[in-house]
Amino acid sequence: VPGAVALVARNGKIVFHKAYGMADNESGREMKKDDI
């Protein structure tokens, strides 16, 4: 995969929320947690 955002929550609490890789490889833009 070029990139991903993963989120895990339990009991209304976010306990895992991370971004990986690239949002756009050609421009070199890194993935961020709040990407759309």
Full PDB file with SEQRES, HELIX, SHEET, SSBOND, CRYST1, ORIGX, SCALE, CONECT and MASTER records, all heavy atoms in Angstrom:
SEQRES   1 A   36  VAL PRO GLY ALA VAL ALA LEU VAL ALA ARG ASN GLY LYS          
SEQRES   2 A   36  ILE VAL PHE HIS LYS ALA TYR GLY MET ALA ASP ASN GLU          
SEQRES   3 A   36  SER GLY ARG GLU MET LYS LYS ASP ASP ILE                      
SHEET    1 AA1 3 GLY A   3  ARG A  10  0                                        
SHEET    2 AA1 3 LYS A  13  ASP A  24 -1                                        
SHEET    3 AA1 3 ARG A  29  GLU A  30 -1                                        
CRYST1    1.000    1.000    1.000  90.00  90.00  90.00 P 1           1          
ORIGX1      1.000000  0.000000  0.000000        0.00000                         
ORIGX2      0.000000  1.000000  0.000000        0.00000                         
ORIGX3      0.000000  0.000000  1.000000        0.00000                         
SCALE1      1.000000  0.000000  0.000000        0.00000                         
SCALE2      0.000000  1.000000  0.000000        0.00000                         
SCALE3      0.000000  0.000000  1.000000        0.00000                         
ATOM      1  N   VAL A   1       0.864  -1.184   0.000  1.00  0.00           N  
ATOM      2  CA  VAL A   1       0.000   0.000   0.000  1.00  0.00           C  
ATOM      3  C   VAL A   1       0.899   1.231   0.000  1.00  0.00           C  
ATOM      4  O   VAL A   1       2.012   1.196   0.530  1.00  0.00           O  
ATOM      5  CB  VAL A   1      -0.947   0.048   1.227  1.00  0.00           C  
ATOM      6  CG1 VAL A   1      -1.919  -1.115   1.209  1.00  0.00           C  
ATOM      7  CG2 VAL A   1      -0.166   0.078   2.527  1.00  0.00           C  
ATOM      8  N   PRO A   2       0.443   2.340  -0.601  1.00  0.00           N  
ATOM      9  CA  PRO A   2       1.258   3.553  -0.567  1.00  0.00           C  
ATOM     10  C   PRO A   2       1.202   4.270   0.774  1.00  0.00           C  
ATOM     11  O   PRO A   2       2.154   4.939   1.179  1.00  0.00           O  
ATOM     12  CB  PRO A   2       0.651   4.409  -1.669  1.00  0.00           C  
ATOM     13  CG  PRO A   2      -0.767   3.952  -1.776  1.00  0.00           C  
ATOM     14  CD  PRO A   2      -0.760   2.490  -1.441  1.00  0.00           C  
ATOM     15  N   GLY A   3       0.053   4.123   1.454  1.00  0.00           N  
ATOM     16  CA  GLY A   3      -0.132   4.790   2.734  1.00  0.00           C  
ATOM     17  C   GLY A   3      -1.472   4.424   3.331  1.00  0.00           C  
ATOM     18  O   GLY A   3      -2.326   3.853   2.652  1.00  0.00           O  
ATOM     19  N   ALA A   4      -1.652   4.755   4.592  1.00  0.00           N  
ATOM     20  CA  ALA A   4      -2.905   4.422   5.276  1.00  0.00           C  
ATOM     21  C   ALA A   4      -3.026   5.248   6.546  1.00  0.00           C  
ATOM     22  O   ALA A   4      -2.034   5.744   7.084  1.00  0.00           O  
ATOM     23  CB  ALA A   4      -2.953   2.935   5.623  1.00  0.00           C  
ATOM     24  N   VAL A   5      -4.269   5.376   7.007  1.00  0.00           N  
ATOM     25  CA  VAL A   5      -4.560   5.910   8.343  1.00  0.00           C  
ATOM     26  C   VAL A   5      -5.398   4.862   9.060  1.00  0.00           C  
ATOM     27  O   VAL A   5      -6.389   4.368   8.515  1.00  0.00           O  
ATOM     28  CB  VAL A   5      -5.312   7.248   8.291  1.00  0.00           C  
ATOM     29  CG1 VAL A   5      -5.788   7.663   9.685  1.00  0.00           C  
ATOM     30  CG2 VAL A   5      -4.422   8.331   7.693  1.00  0.00           C  
ATOM     31  N   ALA A   6      -4.987   4.500  10.268  1.00  0.00           N  
ATOM     32  CA  ALA A   6      -5.707   3.506  11.065  1.00  0.00           C  
ATOM     33  C   ALA A   6      -6.175   4.138  12.364  1.00  0.00           C  
ATOM     34  O   ALA A   6      -5.463   4.955  12.965  1.00  0.00           O  
ATOM     35  CB  ALA A   6      -4.809   2.308  11.375  1.00  0.00           C  
ATOM     36  N   LEU A   7      -7.373   3.749  12.786  1.00  0.00           N  
ATOM     37  CA  LEU A   7      -7.942   4.251  14.042  1.00  0.00           C  
ATOM     38  C   LEU A   7      -8.641   3.113  14.766  1.00  0.00           C  
ATOM     39  O   LEU A   7      -9.377   2.337  14.152  1.00  0.00           O  
ATOM     40  CB  LEU A   7      -8.917   5.390  13.769  1.00  0.00           C  
ATOM     41  CG  LEU A   7      -9.554   6.082  14.978  1.00  0.00           C  
ATOM     42  CD1 LEU A   7      -9.848   7.556  14.673  1.00  0.00           C  
ATOM     43  CD2 LEU A   7     -10.841   5.396  15.433  1.00  0.00           C  
ATOM     44  N   VAL A   8      -8.394   3.043  16.081  1.00  0.00           N  
ATOM     45  CA  VAL A   8      -9.080   2.091  16.943  1.00  0.00           C  
ATOM     46  C   VAL A   8      -9.628   2.860  18.145  1.00  0.00           C  
ATOM     47  O   VAL A   8      -8.919   3.684  18.739  1.00  0.00           O  
ATOM     48  CB  VAL A   8      -8.143   0.972  17.440  1.00  0.00           C  
ATOM     49  CG1 VAL A   8      -8.901  -0.006  18.345  1.00  0.00           C  
ATOM     50  CG2 VAL A   8      -7.502   0.233  16.264  1.00  0.00           C  
ATOM     51  N   ALA A   9     -10.889   2.619  18.471  1.00  0.00           N  
ATOM     52  CA  ALA A   9     -11.500   3.258  19.640  1.00  0.00           C  
ATOM     53  C   ALA A   9     -12.257   2.210  20.442  1.00  0.00           C  
ATOM     54  O   ALA A   9     -12.780   1.238  19.879  1.00  0.00           O  
ATOM     55  CB  ALA A   9     -12.442   4.381  19.215  1.00  0.00           C  
ATOM     56  N   ARG A  10     -12.291   2.426  21.745  1.00  0.00           N  
ATOM     57  CA  ARG A  10     -13.111   1.575  22.612  1.00  0.00           C  
ATOM     58  C   ARG A  10     -13.722   2.427  23.711  1.00  0.00           C  
ATOM     59  O   ARG A  10     -13.059   3.307  24.268  1.00  0.00           O  
ATOM     60  CB  ARG A  10     -12.284   0.448  23.232  1.00  0.00           C  
ATOM     61  CG  ARG A  10     -13.171  -0.630  23.879  1.00  0.00           C  
ATOM     62  CD  ARG A  10     -12.385  -1.746  24.514  1.00  0.00           C  
ATOM     63  NE  ARG A  10     -13.234  -2.930  24.676  1.00  0.00           N  
ATOM     64  CZ  ARG A  10     -12.932  -3.966  25.453  1.00  0.00           C  
ATOM     65  NH1 ARG A  10     -11.793  -3.981  26.143  1.00  0.00           N  
ATOM     66  NH2 ARG A  10     -13.761  -4.989  25.545  1.00  0.00           N  
ATOM     67  N   ASN A  11     -14.982   2.158  24.012  1.00  0.00           N  
ATOM     68  CA  ASN A  11     -15.699   2.879  25.064  1.00  0.00           C  
ATOM     69  C   ASN A  11     -15.628   4.396  24.879  1.00  0.00           C  
ATOM     70  O   ASN A  11     -15.515   5.156  25.839  1.00  0.00           O  
ATOM     71  CB  ASN A  11     -15.158   2.501  26.444  1.00  0.00           C  
ATOM     72  CG  ASN A  11     -15.342   1.028  26.763  1.00  0.00           C  
ATOM     73  OD1 ASN A  11     -16.168   0.351  26.159  1.00  0.00           O  
ATOM     74  ND2 ASN A  11     -14.564   0.526  27.704  1.00  0.00           N  
ATOM     75  N   GLY A  12     -15.676   4.811  23.619  1.00  0.00           N  
ATOM     76  CA  GLY A  12     -15.662   6.239  23.327  1.00  0.00           C  
ATOM     77  C   GLY A  12     -14.303   6.893  23.432  1.00  0.00           C  
ATOM     78  O   GLY A  12     -14.212   8.128  23.399  1.00  0.00           O  
ATOM     79  N   LYS A  13     -13.238   6.093  23.500  1.00  0.00           N  
ATOM     80  CA  LYS A  13     -11.884   6.620  23.615  1.00  0.00           C  
ATOM     81  C   LYS A  13     -11.029   6.128  22.453  1.00  0.00           C  
ATOM     82  O   LYS A  13     -10.958   4.921  22.195  1.00  0.00           O  
ATOM     83  CB  LYS A  13     -11.243   6.178  24.938  1.00  0.00           C  
ATOM     84  CG  LYS A  13     -12.009   6.596  26.179  1.00  0.00           C  
ATOM     85  CD  LYS A  13     -12.048   8.116  26.344  1.00  0.00           C  
ATOM     86  CE  LYS A  13     -12.761   8.518  27.620  1.00  0.00           C  
ATOM     87  NZ  LYS A  13     -12.850  10.006  27.763  1.00  0.00           N  
ATOM     88  N   ILE A  14     -10.390   7.049  21.779  1.00  0.00           N  
ATOM     89  CA  ILE A  14      -9.466   6.690  20.705  1.00  0.00           C  
ATOM     90  C   ILE A  14      -8.149   6.261  21.336  1.00  0.00           C  
ATOM     91  O   ILE A  14      -7.504   7.032  22.046  1.00  0.00           O  
ATOM     92  CB  ILE A  14      -9.242   7.873  19.750  1.00  0.00           C  
ATOM     93  CG1 ILE A  14     -10.557   8.256  19.062  1.00  0.00           C  
ATOM     94  CG2 ILE A  14      -8.175   7.534  18.712  1.00  0.00           C  
ATOM     95  CD1 ILE A  14     -10.466   9.542  18.258  1.00  0.00           C  
ATOM     96  N   VAL A  15      -7.751   5.032  21.068  1.00  0.00           N  
ATOM     97  CA  VAL A  15      -6.537   4.494  21.694  1.00  0.00           C  
ATOM     98  C   VAL A  15      -5.429   4.232  20.672  1.00  0.00           C  
ATOM     99  O   VAL A  15      -4.288   3.939  21.048  1.00  0.00           O  
ATOM    100  CB  VAL A  15      -6.850   3.192  22.460  1.00  0.00           C  
ATOM    101  CG1 VAL A  15      -7.821   3.472  23.596  1.00  0.00           C  
ATOM    102  CG2 VAL A  15      -7.402   2.116  21.532  1.00  0.00           C  
ATOM    103  N   PHE A  16      -5.763   4.324  19.396  1.00  0.00           N  
ATOM    104  CA  PHE A  16      -4.771   4.110  18.337  1.00  0.00           C  
ATOM    105  C   PHE A  16      -5.222   4.932  17.144  1.00  0.00           C  
ATOM    106  O   PHE A  16      -6.324   4.745  16.623  1.00  0.00           O  
ATOM    107  CB  PHE A  16      -4.720   2.621  17.973  1.00  0.00           C  
ATOM    108  CG  PHE A  16      -3.601   2.249  17.020  1.00  0.00           C  
ATOM    109  CD1 PHE A  16      -2.403   1.743  17.487  1.00  0.00           C  
ATOM    110  CD2 PHE A  16      -3.762   2.403  15.644  1.00  0.00           C  
ATOM    111  CE1 PHE A  16      -1.381   1.396  16.611  1.00  0.00           C  
ATOM    112  CE2 PHE A  16      -2.750   2.068  14.761  1.00  0.00           C  
ATOM    113  CZ  PHE A  16      -1.548   1.558  15.244  1.00  0.00           C  
ATOM    114  N   HIS A  17      -4.369   5.834  16.691  1.00  0.00           N  
ATOM    115  CA  HIS A  17      -4.714   6.689  15.546  1.00  0.00           C  
ATOM    116  C   HIS A  17      -3.406   7.146  14.918  1.00  0.00           C  
ATOM    117  O   HIS A  17      -2.742   8.050  15.425  1.00  0.00           O  
ATOM    118  CB  HIS A  17      -5.547   7.886  16.011  1.00  0.00           C  
ATOM    119  CG  HIS A  17      -6.111   8.696  14.875  1.00  0.00           C  
ATOM    120  ND1 HIS A  17      -6.637   9.962  15.053  1.00  0.00           N  
ATOM    121  CD2 HIS A  17      -6.243   8.434  13.541  1.00  0.00           C  
ATOM    122  CE1 HIS A  17      -7.075  10.424  13.901  1.00  0.00           C  
ATOM    123  NE2 HIS A  17      -6.836   9.515  12.968  1.00  0.00           N  
ATOM    124  N   LYS A  18      -3.016   6.487  13.830  1.00  0.00           N  
ATOM    125  CA  LYS A  18      -1.715   6.751  13.222  1.00  0.00           C  
ATOM    126  C   LYS A  18      -1.807   6.799  11.698  1.00  0.00           C  
ATOM    127  O   LYS A  18      -2.690   6.191  11.098  1.00  0.00           O  
ATOM    128  CB  LYS A  18      -0.709   5.679  13.636  1.00  0.00           C  
ATOM    129  CG  LYS A  18      -0.375   5.677  15.121  1.00  0.00           C  
ATOM    130  CD  LYS A  18       0.746   4.711  15.442  1.00  0.00           C  
ATOM    131  CE  LYS A  18       1.108   4.747  16.921  1.00  0.00           C  
ATOM    132  NZ  LYS A  18       2.250   3.856  17.237  1.00  0.00           N  
ATOM    133  N   ALA A  19      -0.873   7.528  11.125  1.00  0.00           N  
ATOM    134  CA  ALA A  19      -0.761   7.638   9.671  1.00  0.00           C  
ATOM    135  C   ALA A  19       0.525   6.973   9.211  1.00  0.00           C  
ATOM    136  O   ALA A  19       1.543   6.989   9.915  1.00  0.00           O  
ATOM    137  CB  ALA A  19      -0.771   9.106   9.261  1.00  0.00           C  
ATOM    138  N   TYR A  20       0.461   6.400   8.008  1.00  0.00           N  
ATOM    139  CA  TYR A  20       1.594   5.651   7.461  1.00  0.00           C  
ATOM    140  C   TYR A  20       1.808   6.018   5.999  1.00  0.00           C  
ATOM    141  O   TYR A  20       0.850   6.230   5.256  1.00  0.00           O  
ATOM    142  CB  TYR A  20       1.330   4.140   7.555  1.00  0.00           C  
ATOM    143  CG  TYR A  20       1.102   3.653   8.954  1.00  0.00           C  
ATOM    144  CD1 TYR A  20      -0.175   3.713   9.509  1.00  0.00           C  
ATOM    145  CD2 TYR A  20       2.143   3.174   9.737  1.00  0.00           C  
ATOM    146  CE1 TYR A  20      -0.401   3.281  10.806  1.00  0.00           C  
ATOM    147  CE2 TYR A  20       1.931   2.741  11.034  1.00  0.00           C  
ATOM    148  CZ  TYR A  20       0.664   2.795  11.565  1.00  0.00           C  
ATOM    149  OH  TYR A  20       0.445   2.382  12.855  1.00  0.00           O  
ATOM    150  N   GLY A  21       3.069   6.055   5.589  1.00  0.00           N  
ATOM    151  CA  GLY A  21       3.386   6.184   4.178  1.00  0.00           C  
ATOM    152  C   GLY A  21       3.031   7.529   3.581  1.00  0.00           C  
ATOM    153  O   GLY A  21       3.081   8.571   4.232  1.00  0.00           O  
ATOM    154  N   MET A  22       2.621   7.474   2.315  1.00  0.00           N  
ATOM    155  CA  MET A  22       2.412   8.675   1.530  1.00  0.00           C  
ATOM    156  C   MET A  22       0.942   8.902   1.175  1.00  0.00           C  
ATOM    157  O   MET A  22       0.227   7.964   0.831  1.00  0.00           O  
ATOM    158  CB  MET A  22       3.221   8.599   0.231  1.00  0.00           C  
ATOM    159  CG  MET A  22       4.725   8.599   0.433  1.00  0.00           C  
ATOM    160  SD  MET A  22       5.316  10.228   0.975  1.00  0.00           S  
ATOM    161  CE  MET A  22       7.076   9.868   1.149  1.00  0.00           C  
ATOM    162  N   ALA A  23       0.546  10.154   1.229  1.00  0.00           N  
ATOM    163  CA  ALA A  23      -0.763  10.549   0.710  1.00  0.00           C  
ATOM    164  C   ALA A  23      -0.701  10.732  -0.800  1.00  0.00           C  
ATOM    165  O   ALA A  23      -1.705  10.590  -1.497  1.00  0.00           O  
ATOM    166  CB  ALA A  23      -1.231  11.841   1.370  1.00  0.00           C  
ATOM    167  N   ASP A  24       0.495  11.052  -1.302  1.00  0.00           N  
ATOM    168  CA  ASP A  24       0.716  11.187  -2.744  1.00  0.00           C  
ATOM    169  C   ASP A  24       2.201  10.948  -3.001  1.00  0.00           C  
ATOM    170  O   ASP A  24       3.046  11.779  -2.635  1.00  0.00           O  
ATOM    171  CB  ASP A  24       0.303  12.575  -3.222  1.00  0.00           C  
ATOM    172  CG  ASP A  24       0.474  12.735  -4.727  1.00  0.00           C  
ATOM    173  OD1 ASP A  24      -0.423  12.306  -5.470  1.00  0.00           O  
ATOM    174  OD2 ASP A  24       1.533  13.265  -5.146  1.00  0.00           O  
ATOM    175  N   ASN A  25       2.517   9.815  -3.616  1.00  0.00           N  
ATOM    176  CA  ASN A  25       3.917   9.450  -3.808  1.00  0.00           C  
ATOM    177  C   ASN A  25       4.622  10.338  -4.822  1.00  0.00           C  
ATOM    178  O   ASN A  25       5.822  10.639  -4.670  1.00  0.00           O  
ATOM    179  CB  ASN A  25       4.015   7.981  -4.238  1.00  0.00           C  
ATOM    180  CG  ASN A  25       3.754   7.032  -3.096  1.00  0.00           C  
ATOM    181  OD1 ASN A  25       2.720   7.114  -2.444  1.00  0.00           O  
ATOM    182  ND2 ASN A  25       4.683   6.120  -2.841  1.00  0.00           N  
ATOM    183  N   GLU A  26       3.913  10.744  -5.873  1.00  0.00           N  
ATOM    184  CA  GLU A  26       4.560  11.530  -6.916  1.00  0.00           C  
ATOM    185  C   GLU A  26       5.061  12.874  -6.404  1.00  0.00           C  
ATOM    186  O   GLU A  26       6.121  13.361  -6.831  1.00  0.00           O  
ATOM    187  CB  GLU A  26       3.605  11.720  -8.094  1.00  0.00           C  
ATOM    188  CG  GLU A  26       3.325  10.431  -8.856  1.00  0.00           C  
ATOM    189  CD  GLU A  26       2.424  10.647 -10.068  1.00  0.00           C  
ATOM    190  OE1 GLU A  26       2.246  11.816 -10.491  1.00  0.00           O  
ATOM    191  OE2 GLU A  26       1.908   9.659 -10.596  1.00  0.00           O  
ATOM    192  N   SER A  27       4.325  13.490  -5.490  1.00  0.00           N  
ATOM    193  CA  SER A  27       4.750  14.777  -4.936  1.00  0.00           C  
ATOM    194  C   SER A  27       5.521  14.628  -3.632  1.00  0.00           C  
ATOM    195  O   SER A  27       6.069  15.604  -3.125  1.00  0.00           O  
ATOM    196  CB  SER A  27       3.531  15.673  -4.698  1.00  0.00           C  
ATOM    197  OG  SER A  27       2.708  15.134  -3.678  1.00  0.00           O  
ATOM    198  N   GLY A  28       5.555  13.408  -3.092  1.00  0.00           N  
ATOM    199  CA  GLY A  28       6.256  13.173  -1.830  1.00  0.00           C  
ATOM    200  C   GLY A  28       5.504  13.656  -0.611  1.00  0.00           C  
ATOM    201  O   GLY A  28       6.099  13.857   0.454  1.00  0.00           O  
ATOM    202  N   ARG A  29       4.179  13.832  -0.729  1.00  0.00           N  
ATOM    203  CA  ARG A  29       3.402  14.303   0.430  1.00  0.00           C  
ATOM    204  C   ARG A  29       3.125  13.152   1.374  1.00  0.00           C  
ATOM    205  O   ARG A  29       2.500  12.158   1.011  1.00  0.00           O  
ATOM    206  CB  ARG A  29       2.082  14.948  -0.010  1.00  0.00           C  
ATOM    207  CG  ARG A  29       1.326  15.565   1.169  1.00  0.00           C  
ATOM    208  CD  ARG A  29       0.172  16.422   0.715  1.00  0.00           C  
ATOM    209  NE  ARG A  29      -1.039  15.692   0.444  1.00  0.00           N  
ATOM    210  CZ  ARG A  29      -1.890  15.278   1.394  1.00  0.00           C  
ATOM    211  NH1 ARG A  29      -1.627  15.496   2.690  1.00  0.00           N  
ATOM    212  NH2 ARG A  29      -2.997  14.634   1.067  1.00  0.00           N  
ATOM    213  N   GLU A  30       3.569  13.289   2.616  1.00  0.00           N  
ATOM    214  CA  GLU A  30       3.377  12.248   3.621  1.00  0.00           C  
ATOM    215  C   GLU A  30       1.942  12.237   4.142  1.00  0.00           C  
ATOM    216  O   GLU A  30       1.276  13.267   4.197  1.00  0.00           O  
ATOM    217  CB  GLU A  30       4.343  12.448   4.789  1.00  0.00           C  
ATOM    218  CG  GLU A  30       5.805  12.264   4.409  1.00  0.00           C  
ATOM    219  CD  GLU A  30       6.729  12.369   5.615  1.00  0.00           C  
ATOM    220  OE1 GLU A  30       6.226  12.639   6.737  1.00  0.00           O  
ATOM    221  OE2 GLU A  30       7.945  12.194   5.435  1.00  0.00           O  
ATOM    222  N   MET A  31       1.483  11.045   4.497  1.00  0.00           N  
ATOM    223  CA  MET A  31       0.145  10.896   5.057  1.00  0.00           C  
ATOM    224  C   MET A  31       0.073  11.511   6.449  1.00  0.00           C  
ATOM    225  O   MET A  31       1.016  11.401   7.245  1.00  0.00           O  
ATOM    226  CB  MET A  31      -0.223   9.408   5.137  1.00  0.00           C  
ATOM    227  CG  MET A  31      -1.668   9.142   5.461  1.00  0.00           C  
ATOM    228  SD  MET A  31      -2.744   9.373   4.025  1.00  0.00           S  
ATOM    229  CE  MET A  31      -2.446   7.826   3.135  1.00  0.00           C  
ATOM    230  N   LYS A  32      -1.073  12.131   6.755  1.00  0.00           N  
ATOM    231  CA  LYS A  32      -1.329  12.679   8.085  1.00  0.00           C  
ATOM    232  C   LYS A  32      -2.640  12.117   8.627  1.00  0.00           C  
ATOM    233  O   LYS A  32      -3.514  11.713   7.866  1.00  0.00           O  
ATOM    234  CB  LYS A  32      -1.393  14.207   8.023  1.00  0.00           C  
ATOM    235  CG  LYS A  32      -0.077  14.853   7.612  1.00  0.00           C  
ATOM    236  CD  LYS A  32      -0.188  16.377   7.572  1.00  0.00           C  
ATOM    237  CE  LYS A  32       1.129  17.014   7.156  1.00  0.00           C  
ATOM    238  NZ  LYS A  32       1.021  18.502   7.089  1.00  0.00           N  
ATOM    239  N   LYS A  33      -2.770  12.112   9.936  1.00  0.00           N  
ATOM    240  CA  LYS A  33      -3.944  11.510  10.579  1.00  0.00           C  
ATOM    241  C   LYS A  33      -5.245  12.163  10.161  1.00  0.00           C  
ATOM    242  O   LYS A  33      -6.288  11.506  10.136  1.00  0.00           O  
ATOM    243  CB  LYS A  33      -3.820  11.582  12.108  1.00  0.00           C  
ATOM    244  CG  LYS A  33      -2.739  10.690  12.700  1.00  0.00           C  
ATOM    245  CD  LYS A  33      -2.870  10.593  14.208  1.00  0.00           C  
ATOM    246  CE  LYS A  33      -2.781  11.912  14.909  1.00  0.00           C  
ATOM    247  NZ  LYS A  33      -2.848  11.779  16.394  1.00  0.00           N  
ATOM    248  N   ASP A  34      -5.215  13.454   9.859  1.00  0.00           N  
ATOM    249  CA  ASP A  34      -6.457  14.161   9.524  1.00  0.00           C  
ATOM    250  C   ASP A  34      -6.665  14.287   8.022  1.00  0.00           C  
ATOM    251  O   ASP A  34      -7.497  15.081   7.577  1.00  0.00           O  
ATOM    252  CB  ASP A  34      -6.500  15.535  10.193  1.00  0.00           C  
ATOM    253  CG  ASP A  34      -5.463  16.508   9.632  1.00  0.00           C  
ATOM    254  OD1 ASP A  34      -4.526  16.057   8.933  1.00  0.00           O  
ATOM    255  OD2 ASP A  34      -5.584  17.729   9.894  1.00  0.00           O  
ATOM    256  N   ASP A  35      -5.945  13.502   7.244  1.00  0.00           N  
ATOM    257  CA  ASP A  35      -6.147  13.545   5.801  1.00  0.00           C  
ATOM    258  C   ASP A  35      -7.534  13.012   5.438  1.00  0.00           C  
ATOM    259  O   ASP A  35      -8.140  12.233   6.171  1.00  0.00           O  
ATOM    260  CB  ASP A  35      -5.063  12.748   5.080  1.00  0.00           C  
ATOM    261  CG  ASP A  35      -3.811  13.576   4.833  1.00  0.00           C  
ATOM    262  OD1 ASP A  35      -3.886  14.821   4.891  1.00  0.00           O  
ATOM    263  OD2 ASP A  35      -2.740  12.991   4.572  1.00  0.00           O  
ATOM    264  N   ILE A  36      -8.007  13.439   4.271  1.00  0.00           N  
ATOM    265  CA  ILE A  36      -9.375  13.168   3.830  1.00  0.00           C  
ATOM    266  C   ILE A  36      -9.373  12.130   2.715  1.00  0.00           C  
ATOM    267  O   ILE A  36      -8.581  12.210   1.775  1.00  0.00           O  
ATOM    268  CB  ILE A  36     -10.057  14.470   3.374  1.00  0.00           C  
ATOM    269  CG1 ILE A  36     -10.174  15.437   4.561  1.00  0.00           C  
ATOM    270  CG2 ILE A  36     -11.429  14.192   2.766  1.00  0.00           C  
ATOM    271  CD1 ILE A  36     -10.661  16.829   4.189  1.00  0.00           C  
TER     272      ILE A  36                                                      
MASTER        0    0    0    0    3    0    0    6  271    1    0    3          
END                                                                             
